[in-house]
Amino acid sequence: MLPASGIDLVFALANVQPGFLFDGVFHPPETRYLVEILLRTLHFLAGILWIGHLYFFNVVNVNLMKALDDTTRVKVIPQLMPRALWWFRWGALITVLVGLMYYAMYILKSDSTNAGKNVWVILLVWLVIPLVIFAIEMAVVKKVNNGWVLAAVVALLVIIMFLVIIAWLKSQLGSYGSNKSYSIGLGGALGLVMMFNVWGIIWPNQKRIISWTADKAENGTAVPPESAKLGRVAFLASRTNTWLSVPMLFLMGASSHFPGMLGI
């Protein structure tokens, strides 16, 4: 069993205050604290899997595939990519779903209750905002082949999304809105756009490319010319996620470590 100081450290790192240590004696934490710890742990672990694979694809895999000859590439892709993309896409989904649960149950609910508002109405409208932004971004990424132009458009869309979310949360929470509600409201919206990119663009495109490549390796069938365009779109969406991950991670950290950052 951990000593009292060790148990204190574990829960301090988890950023919860269960209040179960009395005179150095261990008392089991309440169920609600165990649920909170479980959600935070799942969110962190799934996030590591997701963002870790995202950086692997963009920092390592892109250059690796360019360095391989066509014969080797055809053999490597059907073996590597299905496995890597499995962890990538499910890590993204679990990260977002668990994060939504945590945000609704432990952050937004408290502020909305204090403001006398319905947490589910606030959450539903908040969810619609990044969904609309993603729909616009998906249309753009399929039309624009220039990475710099796409970056400018995405930056503008993110600014608009942030302004709309801040206005919405402020209209509902008023003076009861905490830094956590705003920081995670913004960072979580970025995470949602990124997850939509994974499931709406990257995975569908890569699945077709993998299938064509495997068919070529097994039967010698030529890969359709459409593969190059699908690969380019998937690359741009993945590179977009890489850049979006920086402010997303900063805002998640700011929710706890910069309590007065937004000052709203």
C-alpha atoms as a PDB file:
ATOM      1  CA  MET A   1       0.000   0.000   0.000  1.00  0.00           C
ATOM      2  CA  LEU A   2       1.226   3.479  -0.779  1.00  0.00           C
ATOM      3  CA  PRO A   3       2.089   5.684   2.208  1.00  0.00           C
ATOM      4  CA  ALA A   4      -0.198   8.628   2.806  1.00  0.00           C
ATOM      5  CA  SER A   5       2.220  11.013   1.116  1.00  0.00           C
ATOM      6  CA  GLY A   6       2.375   8.731  -1.938  1.00  0.00           C
ATOM      7  CA  ILE A   7      -1.403   8.573  -2.263  1.00  0.00           C
ATOM      8  CA  ASP A   8      -1.576  12.345  -1.897  1.00  0.00           C
ATOM      9  CA  LEU A   9       0.907  12.681  -4.773  1.00  0.00           C
ATOM     10  CA  VAL A  10      -1.098  10.387  -7.054  1.00  0.00           C
ATOM     11  CA  PHE A  11      -4.273  12.411  -6.634  1.00  0.00           C
ATOM     12  CA  ALA A  12      -2.407  15.701  -6.813  1.00  0.00           C
ATOM     13  CA  LEU A  13      -1.095  14.631 -10.221  1.00  0.00           C
ATOM     14  CA  ALA A  14      -4.650  13.669 -11.213  1.00  0.00           C
ATOM     15  CA  ASN A  15      -5.689  17.204 -10.215  1.00  0.00           C
ATOM     16  CA  VAL A  16      -8.542  16.018  -7.993  1.00  0.00           C
ATOM     17  CA  GLN A  17      -9.108  16.589  -4.291  1.00  0.00           C
ATOM     18  CA  PRO A  18     -10.928  13.544  -2.952  1.00  0.00           C
ATOM     19  CA  GLY A  19     -10.414  14.463   0.714  1.00  0.00           C
ATOM     20  CA  PHE A  20      -9.980  10.887   1.940  1.00  0.00           C
ATOM     21  CA  LEU A  21      -6.844  11.270   4.081  1.00  0.00           C
ATOM     22  CA  PHE A  22      -7.484  11.881   7.732  1.00  0.00           C
ATOM     23  CA  ASP A  23      -4.627  11.756  10.262  1.00  0.00           C
ATOM     24  CA  GLY A  24      -2.576   9.767   7.780  1.00  0.00           C
ATOM     25  CA  VAL A  25      -5.211   7.020   7.513  1.00  0.00           C
ATOM     26  CA  PHE A  26      -6.371   5.893   4.061  1.00  0.00           C
ATOM     27  CA  HIS A  27     -10.111   6.039   3.388  1.00  0.00           C
ATOM     28  CA  PRO A  28     -11.469   4.836   0.009  1.00  0.00           C
ATOM     29  CA  PRO A  29     -12.384   7.759  -2.263  1.00  0.00           C
ATOM     30  CA  GLU A  30     -15.975   8.392  -3.244  1.00  0.00           C
ATOM     31  CA  THR A  31     -17.209   6.757  -6.443  1.00  0.00           C
ATOM     32  CA  ARG A  32     -17.489  10.092  -8.235  1.00  0.00           C
ATOM     33  CA  TYR A  33     -13.774  10.671  -7.784  1.00  0.00           C
ATOM     34  CA  LEU A  34     -12.939   7.218  -9.124  1.00  0.00           C
ATOM     35  CA  VAL A  35     -15.038   7.924 -12.229  1.00  0.00           C
ATOM     36  CA  GLU A  36     -13.286  11.254 -12.695  1.00  0.00           C
ATOM     37  CA  ILE A  37      -9.854   9.634 -12.389  1.00  0.00           C
ATOM     38  CA  LEU A  38     -10.862   6.870 -14.819  1.00  0.00           C
ATOM     39  CA  LEU A  39     -12.106   9.354 -17.420  1.00  0.00           C
ATOM     40  CA  ARG A  40      -9.000  11.514 -17.131  1.00  0.00           C
ATOM     41  CA  THR A  41      -6.724   8.472 -17.418  1.00  0.00           C
ATOM     42  CA  LEU A  42      -8.541   7.109 -20.487  1.00  0.00           C
ATOM     43  CA  HIS A  43      -8.503  10.561 -22.060  1.00  0.00           C
ATOM     44  CA  PHE A  44      -4.744  10.920 -21.544  1.00  0.00           C
ATOM     45  CA  LEU A  45      -3.856   7.406 -22.732  1.00  0.00           C
ATOM     46  CA  ALA A  46      -6.060   7.555 -25.833  1.00  0.00           C
ATOM     47  CA  GLY A  47      -4.727  11.043 -26.567  1.00  0.00           C
ATOM     48  CA  ILE A  48      -1.139   9.782 -26.419  1.00  0.00           C
ATOM     49  CA  LEU A  49      -2.004   7.025 -28.897  1.00  0.00           C
ATOM     50  CA  TRP A  50      -3.762   9.456 -31.216  1.00  0.00           C
ATOM     51  CA  ILE A  51      -1.332  12.362 -31.227  1.00  0.00           C
ATOM     52  CA  GLY A  52       1.668  10.015 -31.082  1.00  0.00           C
ATOM     53  CA  HIS A  53       0.564   8.317 -34.293  1.00  0.00           C
ATOM     54  CA  LEU A  54      -0.280  11.697 -35.840  1.00  0.00           C
ATOM     55  CA  TYR A  55       3.313  12.863 -35.337  1.00  0.00           C
ATOM     56  CA  PHE A  56       4.651   9.509 -36.498  1.00  0.00           C
ATOM     57  CA  PHE A  57       2.757   9.830 -39.781  1.00  0.00           C
ATOM     58  CA  ASN A  58       3.843  13.425 -40.390  1.00  0.00           C
ATOM     59  CA  VAL A  59       7.399  13.429 -39.055  1.00  0.00           C
ATOM     60  CA  VAL A  60       8.560   9.875 -39.852  1.00  0.00           C
ATOM     61  CA  ASN A  61       6.272   8.023 -42.234  1.00  0.00           C
ATOM     62  CA  VAL A  62       5.926  10.642 -44.986  1.00  0.00           C
ATOM     63  CA  ASN A  63       9.680  10.857 -45.514  1.00  0.00           C
ATOM     64  CA  LEU A  64      10.107   7.100 -45.118  1.00  0.00           C
ATOM     65  CA  MET A  65       7.628   6.333 -47.903  1.00  0.00           C
ATOM     66  CA  LYS A  66       9.343   8.823 -50.207  1.00  0.00           C
ATOM     67  CA  ALA A  67      12.665   7.069 -49.627  1.00  0.00           C
ATOM     68  CA  LEU A  68      11.342   3.587 -50.511  1.00  0.00           C
ATOM     69  CA  ASP A  69      11.300   2.255 -54.052  1.00  0.00           C
ATOM     70  CA  ASP A  70       7.926   1.312 -55.539  1.00  0.00           C
ATOM     71  CA  THR A  71       8.388  -2.433 -55.043  1.00  0.00           C
ATOM     72  CA  THR A  72       9.205  -2.048 -51.350  1.00  0.00           C
ATOM     73  CA  ARG A  73       6.504   0.560 -50.794  1.00  0.00           C
ATOM     74  CA  VAL A  74       3.840  -1.756 -52.216  1.00  0.00           C
ATOM     75  CA  LYS A  75       4.878  -4.420 -49.718  1.00  0.00           C
ATOM     76  CA  VAL A  76       5.194  -2.105 -46.709  1.00  0.00           C
ATOM     77  CA  ILE A  77       1.949  -0.113 -46.983  1.00  0.00           C
ATOM     78  CA  PRO A  78      -0.518  -3.056 -46.659  1.00  0.00           C
ATOM     79  CA  GLN A  79       1.374  -4.309 -43.602  1.00  0.00           C
ATOM     80  CA  LEU A  80       2.110  -1.041 -41.794  1.00  0.00           C
ATOM     81  CA  MET A  81      -0.757   1.318 -42.500  1.00  0.00           C
ATOM     82  CA  PRO A  82      -3.796  -0.793 -41.480  1.00  0.00           C
ATOM     83  CA  ARG A  83      -2.218  -1.441 -38.070  1.00  0.00           C
ATOM     84  CA  ALA A  84      -1.086   2.145 -37.512  1.00  0.00           C
ATOM     85  CA  LEU A  85      -4.380   3.639 -38.731  1.00  0.00           C
ATOM     86  CA  TRP A  86      -6.383   1.330 -36.461  1.00  0.00           C
ATOM     87  CA  TRP A  87      -4.720   2.745 -33.349  1.00  0.00           C
ATOM     88  CA  PHE A  88      -4.795   6.224 -34.865  1.00  0.00           C
ATOM     89  CA  ARG A  89      -8.502   6.441 -35.622  1.00  0.00           C
ATOM     90  CA  TRP A  90      -9.772   4.632 -32.527  1.00  0.00           C
ATOM     91  CA  GLY A  91      -7.424   6.630 -30.325  1.00  0.00           C
ATOM     92  CA  ALA A  92      -8.942   9.786 -31.820  1.00  0.00           C
ATOM     93  CA  LEU A  93     -12.508   8.636 -31.236  1.00  0.00           C
ATOM     94  CA  ILE A  94     -11.953   7.490 -27.639  1.00  0.00           C
ATOM     95  CA  THR A  95     -10.025  10.656 -26.801  1.00  0.00           C
ATOM     96  CA  VAL A  96     -12.871  12.854 -28.016  1.00  0.00           C
ATOM     97  CA  LEU A  97     -15.763  10.815 -26.568  1.00  0.00           C
ATOM     98  CA  VAL A  98     -14.182  10.483 -23.124  1.00  0.00           C
ATOM     99  CA  GLY A  99     -13.166  14.146 -23.212  1.00  0.00           C
ATOM    100  CA  LEU A 100     -16.753  15.132 -24.007  1.00  0.00           C
ATOM    101  CA  MET A 101     -18.007  13.102 -21.050  1.00  0.00           C
ATOM    102  CA  TYR A 102     -15.497  14.728 -18.728  1.00  0.00           C
ATOM    103  CA  TYR A 103     -16.232  18.222 -20.024  1.00  0.00           C
ATOM    104  CA  ALA A 104     -19.988  17.793 -19.650  1.00  0.00           C
ATOM    105  CA  MET A 105     -19.933  16.050 -16.258  1.00  0.00           C
ATOM    106  CA  TYR A 106     -17.217  17.886 -14.368  1.00  0.00           C
ATOM    107  CA  ILE A 107     -16.680  21.292 -15.939  1.00  0.00           C
ATOM    108  CA  LEU A 108     -19.565  22.610 -18.009  1.00  0.00           C
ATOM    109  CA  LYS A 109     -22.238  21.176 -15.715  1.00  0.00           C
ATOM    110  CA  SER A 110     -20.978  23.083 -12.699  1.00  0.00           C
ATOM    111  CA  ASP A 111     -20.800  26.426 -14.512  1.00  0.00           C
ATOM    112  CA  SER A 112     -24.150  25.963 -16.261  1.00  0.00           C
ATOM    113  CA  THR A 113     -25.862  25.011 -12.986  1.00  0.00           C
ATOM    114  CA  ASN A 114     -24.526  28.146 -11.323  1.00  0.00           C
ATOM    115  CA  ALA A 115     -25.741  30.207 -14.282  1.00  0.00           C
ATOM    116  CA  GLY A 116     -29.164  28.526 -14.218  1.00  0.00           C
ATOM    117  CA  LYS A 117     -28.792  27.121 -17.739  1.00  0.00           C
ATOM    118  CA  ASN A 118     -29.317  23.684 -19.290  1.00  0.00           C
ATOM    119  CA  VAL A 119     -25.918  22.021 -19.750  1.00  0.00           C
ATOM    120  CA  TRP A 120     -27.163  19.828 -22.618  1.00  0.00           C
ATOM    121  CA  VAL A 121     -28.400  22.781 -24.650  1.00  0.00           C
ATOM    122  CA  ILE A 122     -25.063  24.540 -24.177  1.00  0.00           C
ATOM    123  CA  LEU A 123     -23.174  21.373 -25.113  1.00  0.00           C
ATOM    124  CA  LEU A 124     -25.311  20.624 -28.178  1.00  0.00           C
ATOM    125  CA  VAL A 125     -24.878  24.076 -29.697  1.00  0.00           C
ATOM    126  CA  TRP A 126     -21.163  23.942 -28.877  1.00  0.00           C
ATOM    127  CA  LEU A 127     -20.890  20.607 -30.726  1.00  0.00           C
ATOM    128  CA  VAL A 128     -22.589  22.011 -33.827  1.00  0.00           C
ATOM    129  CA  ILE A 129     -20.044  24.831 -34.181  1.00  0.00           C
ATOM    130  CA  PRO A 130     -16.928  22.668 -34.900  1.00  0.00           C
ATOM    131  CA  LEU A 131     -19.074  20.350 -37.027  1.00  0.00           C
ATOM    132  CA  VAL A 132     -19.972  23.266 -39.316  1.00  0.00           C
ATOM    133  CA  ILE A 133     -16.330  24.417 -39.383  1.00  0.00           C
ATOM    134  CA  PHE A 134     -15.221  20.910 -40.353  1.00  0.00           C
ATOM    135  CA  ALA A 135     -17.771  20.720 -43.170  1.00  0.00           C
ATOM    136  CA  ILE A 136     -16.364  23.947 -44.630  1.00  0.00           C
ATOM    137  CA  GLU A 137     -12.772  22.785 -44.116  1.00  0.00           C
ATOM    138  CA  MET A 138     -13.471  19.422 -45.783  1.00  0.00           C
ATOM    139  CA  ALA A 139     -14.866  21.174 -48.856  1.00  0.00           C
ATOM    140  CA  VAL A 140     -11.790  23.425 -48.987  1.00  0.00           C
ATOM    141  CA  VAL A 141      -9.194  20.669 -48.492  1.00  0.00           C
ATOM    142  CA  LYS A 142     -10.695  18.697 -51.384  1.00  0.00           C
ATOM    143  CA  LYS A 143     -10.460  21.709 -53.703  1.00  0.00           C
ATOM    144  CA  VAL A 144      -7.264  23.488 -52.638  1.00  0.00           C
ATOM    145  CA  ASN A 145      -4.006  21.714 -53.431  1.00  0.00           C
ATOM    146  CA  ASN A 146      -1.715  24.442 -52.099  1.00  0.00           C
ATOM    147  CA  GLY A 147      -0.724  23.829 -48.482  1.00  0.00           C
ATOM    148  CA  TRP A 148      -0.107  27.508 -47.690  1.00  0.00           C
ATOM    149  CA  VAL A 149      -3.490  28.589 -49.025  1.00  0.00           C
ATOM    150  CA  LEU A 150      -5.148  25.812 -47.044  1.00  0.00           C
ATOM    151  CA  ALA A 151      -3.275  26.900 -43.905  1.00  0.00           C
ATOM    152  CA  ALA A 152      -4.545  30.472 -44.299  1.00  0.00           C
ATOM    153  CA  VAL A 153      -8.130  29.295 -44.803  1.00  0.00           C
ATOM    154  CA  VAL A 154      -7.982  26.926 -41.822  1.00  0.00           C
ATOM    155  CA  ALA A 155      -6.471  29.656 -39.629  1.00  0.00           C
ATOM    156  CA  LEU A 156      -9.343  31.970 -40.542  1.00  0.00           C
ATOM    157  CA  LEU A 157     -11.889  29.229 -39.862  1.00  0.00           C
ATOM    158  CA  VAL A 158     -10.338  28.521 -36.454  1.00  0.00           C
ATOM    159  CA  ILE A 159     -10.445  32.206 -35.497  1.00  0.00           C
ATOM    160  CA  ILE A 160     -14.104  32.390 -36.509  1.00  0.00           C
ATOM    161  CA  MET A 161     -14.847  29.195 -34.566  1.00  0.00           C
ATOM    162  CA  PHE A 162     -13.132  30.554 -31.453  1.00  0.00           C
ATOM    163  CA  LEU A 163     -15.048  33.836 -31.601  1.00  0.00           C
ATOM    164  CA  VAL A 164     -18.386  32.070 -32.042  1.00  0.00           C
ATOM    165  CA  ILE A 165     -17.693  29.621 -29.185  1.00  0.00           C
ATOM    166  CA  ILE A 166     -16.593  32.392 -26.833  1.00  0.00           C
ATOM    167  CA  ALA A 167     -19.691  34.429 -27.682  1.00  0.00           C
ATOM    168  CA  TRP A 168     -21.949  31.389 -27.164  1.00  0.00           C
ATOM    169  CA  LEU A 169     -20.436  30.365 -23.837  1.00  0.00           C
ATOM    170  CA  LYS A 170     -20.423  33.936 -22.577  1.00  0.00           C
ATOM    171  CA  SER A 171     -24.092  34.385 -23.504  1.00  0.00           C
ATOM    172  CA  GLN A 172     -25.008  31.248 -21.549  1.00  0.00           C
ATOM    173  CA  LEU A 173     -22.595  31.211 -18.618  1.00  0.00           C
ATOM    174  CA  GLY A 174     -22.101  34.924 -18.056  1.00  0.00           C
ATOM    175  CA  SER A 175     -19.943  35.648 -15.026  1.00  0.00           C
ATOM    176  CA  TYR A 176     -20.134  31.997 -13.971  1.00  0.00           C
ATOM    177  CA  GLY A 177     -18.029  30.808 -16.884  1.00  0.00           C
ATOM    178  CA  SER A 178     -14.721  29.433 -15.609  1.00  0.00           C
ATOM    179  CA  ASN A 179     -11.394  29.411 -17.386  1.00  0.00           C
ATOM    180  CA  LYS A 180     -11.773  25.626 -17.759  1.00  0.00           C
ATOM    181  CA  SER A 181     -15.090  25.960 -19.577  1.00  0.00           C
ATOM    182  CA  TYR A 182     -13.594  28.407 -22.053  1.00  0.00           C
ATOM    183  CA  SER A 183     -10.157  26.780 -22.467  1.00  0.00           C
ATOM    184  CA  ILE A 184     -11.489  23.265 -22.939  1.00  0.00           C
ATOM    185  CA  GLY A 185     -14.397  24.649 -24.942  1.00  0.00           C
ATOM    186  CA  LEU A 186     -11.885  26.018 -27.447  1.00  0.00           C
ATOM    187  CA  GLY A 187      -9.327  23.201 -27.252  1.00  0.00           C
ATOM    188  CA  GLY A 188     -12.024  20.553 -27.364  1.00  0.00           C
ATOM    189  CA  ALA A 189     -13.527  22.156 -30.466  1.00  0.00           C
ATOM    190  CA  LEU A 190     -10.142  21.852 -32.170  1.00  0.00           C
ATOM    191  CA  GLY A 191     -10.032  18.226 -31.075  1.00  0.00           C
ATOM    192  CA  LEU A 192     -13.448  17.636 -32.615  1.00  0.00           C
ATOM    193  CA  VAL A 193     -12.367  19.135 -35.951  1.00  0.00           C
ATOM    194  CA  MET A 194      -9.248  16.960 -35.839  1.00  0.00           C
ATOM    195  CA  MET A 195     -11.284  13.832 -35.076  1.00  0.00           C
ATOM    196  CA  PHE A 196     -13.678  14.632 -37.932  1.00  0.00           C
ATOM    197  CA  ASN A 197     -10.625  14.973 -40.208  1.00  0.00           C
ATOM    198  CA  VAL A 198      -9.474  11.509 -39.152  1.00  0.00           C
ATOM    199  CA  TRP A 199     -12.788   9.742 -39.693  1.00  0.00           C
ATOM    200  CA  GLY A 200     -14.166  11.919 -42.489  1.00  0.00           C
ATOM    201  CA  ILE A 201     -11.102  12.423 -44.697  1.00  0.00           C
ATOM    202  CA  ILE A 202      -7.907  10.622 -43.681  1.00  0.00           C
ATOM    203  CA  TRP A 203      -9.250   7.139 -42.950  1.00  0.00           C
ATOM    204  CA  PRO A 204     -11.683   6.854 -45.921  1.00  0.00           C
ATOM    205  CA  ASN A 205      -8.950   7.958 -48.347  1.00  0.00           C
ATOM    206  CA  GLN A 206      -6.237   5.806 -46.819  1.00  0.00           C
ATOM    207  CA  LYS A 207      -8.523   2.766 -46.727  1.00  0.00           C
ATOM    208  CA  ARG A 208      -8.979   2.927 -50.492  1.00  0.00           C
ATOM    209  CA  ILE A 209      -5.262   3.494 -51.090  1.00  0.00           C
ATOM    210  CA  ILE A 210      -4.351   0.532 -48.876  1.00  0.00           C
ATOM    211  CA  SER A 211      -6.834  -1.689 -50.698  1.00  0.00           C
ATOM    212  CA  TRP A 212      -5.462  -0.729 -54.123  1.00  0.00           C
ATOM    213  CA  THR A 213      -1.862  -1.151 -52.954  1.00  0.00           C
ATOM    214  CA  ALA A 214      -2.569  -4.582 -51.466  1.00  0.00           C
ATOM    215  CA  ASP A 215      -4.255  -5.629 -54.701  1.00  0.00           C
ATOM    216  CA  LYS A 216      -1.189  -4.535 -56.642  1.00  0.00           C
ATOM    217  CA  ALA A 217       1.123  -6.477 -54.309  1.00  0.00           C
ATOM    218  CA  GLU A 218      -0.955  -9.657 -54.587  1.00  0.00           C
ATOM    219  CA  ASN A 219      -2.225  -9.561 -58.166  1.00  0.00           C
ATOM    220  CA  GLY A 220      -0.109  -6.982 -59.945  1.00  0.00           C
ATOM    221  CA  THR A 221      -3.161  -4.792 -60.568  1.00  0.00           C
ATOM    222  CA  ALA A 222      -2.309  -1.194 -61.420  1.00  0.00           C
ATOM    223  CA  VAL A 223      -3.169   1.413 -58.796  1.00  0.00           C
ATOM    224  CA  PRO A 224      -5.804   3.843 -60.177  1.00  0.00           C
ATOM    225  CA  PRO A 225      -4.568   7.395 -60.917  1.00  0.00           C
ATOM    226  CA  GLU A 226      -7.151   8.623 -58.418  1.00  0.00           C
ATOM    227  CA  SER A 227      -4.862   7.299 -55.676  1.00  0.00           C
ATOM    228  CA  ALA A 228      -2.484  10.258 -55.981  1.00  0.00           C
ATOM    229  CA  LYS A 229      -5.269  12.785 -55.415  1.00  0.00           C
ATOM    230  CA  LEU A 230      -6.715  10.861 -52.479  1.00  0.00           C
ATOM    231  CA  GLY A 231      -3.255  10.605 -50.951  1.00  0.00           C
ATOM    232  CA  ARG A 232      -2.679  14.326 -51.341  1.00  0.00           C
ATOM    233  CA  VAL A 233      -6.016  15.192 -49.689  1.00  0.00           C
ATOM    234  CA  ALA A 234      -5.310  12.787 -46.815  1.00  0.00           C
ATOM    235  CA  PHE A 235      -1.837  14.301 -46.410  1.00  0.00           C
ATOM    236  CA  LEU A 236      -3.198  17.858 -46.262  1.00  0.00           C
ATOM    237  CA  ALA A 237      -5.833  16.853 -43.710  1.00  0.00           C
ATOM    238  CA  SER A 238      -3.200  15.079 -41.627  1.00  0.00           C
ATOM    239  CA  ARG A 239      -0.810  18.030 -41.814  1.00  0.00           C
ATOM    240  CA  THR A 240      -3.709  20.316 -40.812  1.00  0.00           C
ATOM    241  CA  ASN A 241      -4.262  18.146 -37.743  1.00  0.00           C
ATOM    242  CA  THR A 242      -0.570  18.361 -36.867  1.00  0.00           C
ATOM    243  CA  TRP A 243      -0.664  22.149 -36.775  1.00  0.00           C
ATOM    244  CA  LEU A 244      -4.016  22.230 -34.959  1.00  0.00           C
ATOM    245  CA  SER A 245      -2.653  19.881 -32.300  1.00  0.00           C
ATOM    246  CA  VAL A 246      -0.343  22.631 -30.996  1.00  0.00           C
ATOM    247  CA  PRO A 247      -3.014  25.148 -29.903  1.00  0.00           C
ATOM    248  CA  MET A 248      -5.285  22.250 -28.918  1.00  0.00           C
ATOM    249  CA  LEU A 249      -2.732  20.842 -26.466  1.00  0.00           C
ATOM    250  CA  PHE A 250      -1.869  24.323 -25.190  1.00  0.00           C
ATOM    251  CA  LEU A 251      -5.514  25.119 -24.445  1.00  0.00           C
ATOM    252  CA  MET A 252      -5.992  21.797 -22.665  1.00  0.00           C
ATOM    253  CA  GLY A 253      -3.018  22.555 -20.456  1.00  0.00           C
ATOM    254  CA  ALA A 254      -4.116  26.169 -19.976  1.00  0.00           C
ATOM    255  CA  SER A 255      -7.376  24.980 -18.431  1.00  0.00           C
ATOM    256  CA  SER A 256      -5.454  23.987 -15.294  1.00  0.00           C
ATOM    257  CA  HIS A 257      -2.114  25.770 -15.462  1.00  0.00           C
ATOM    258  CA  PHE A 258      -3.172  29.257 -16.637  1.00  0.00           C
ATOM    259  CA  PRO A 259      -6.376  29.849 -14.653  1.00  0.00           C
ATOM    260  CA  GLY A 260      -6.704  33.503 -15.633  1.00  0.00           C
ATOM    261  CA  MET A 261      -5.496  33.234 -19.216  1.00  0.00           C
ATOM    262  CA  LEU A 262      -8.684  34.116 -21.075  1.00  0.00           C
ATOM    263  CA  GLY A 263      -9.908  36.656 -18.542  1.00  0.00           C
ATOM    264  CA  ILE A 264     -13.475  36.436 -19.844  1.00  0.00           C
END
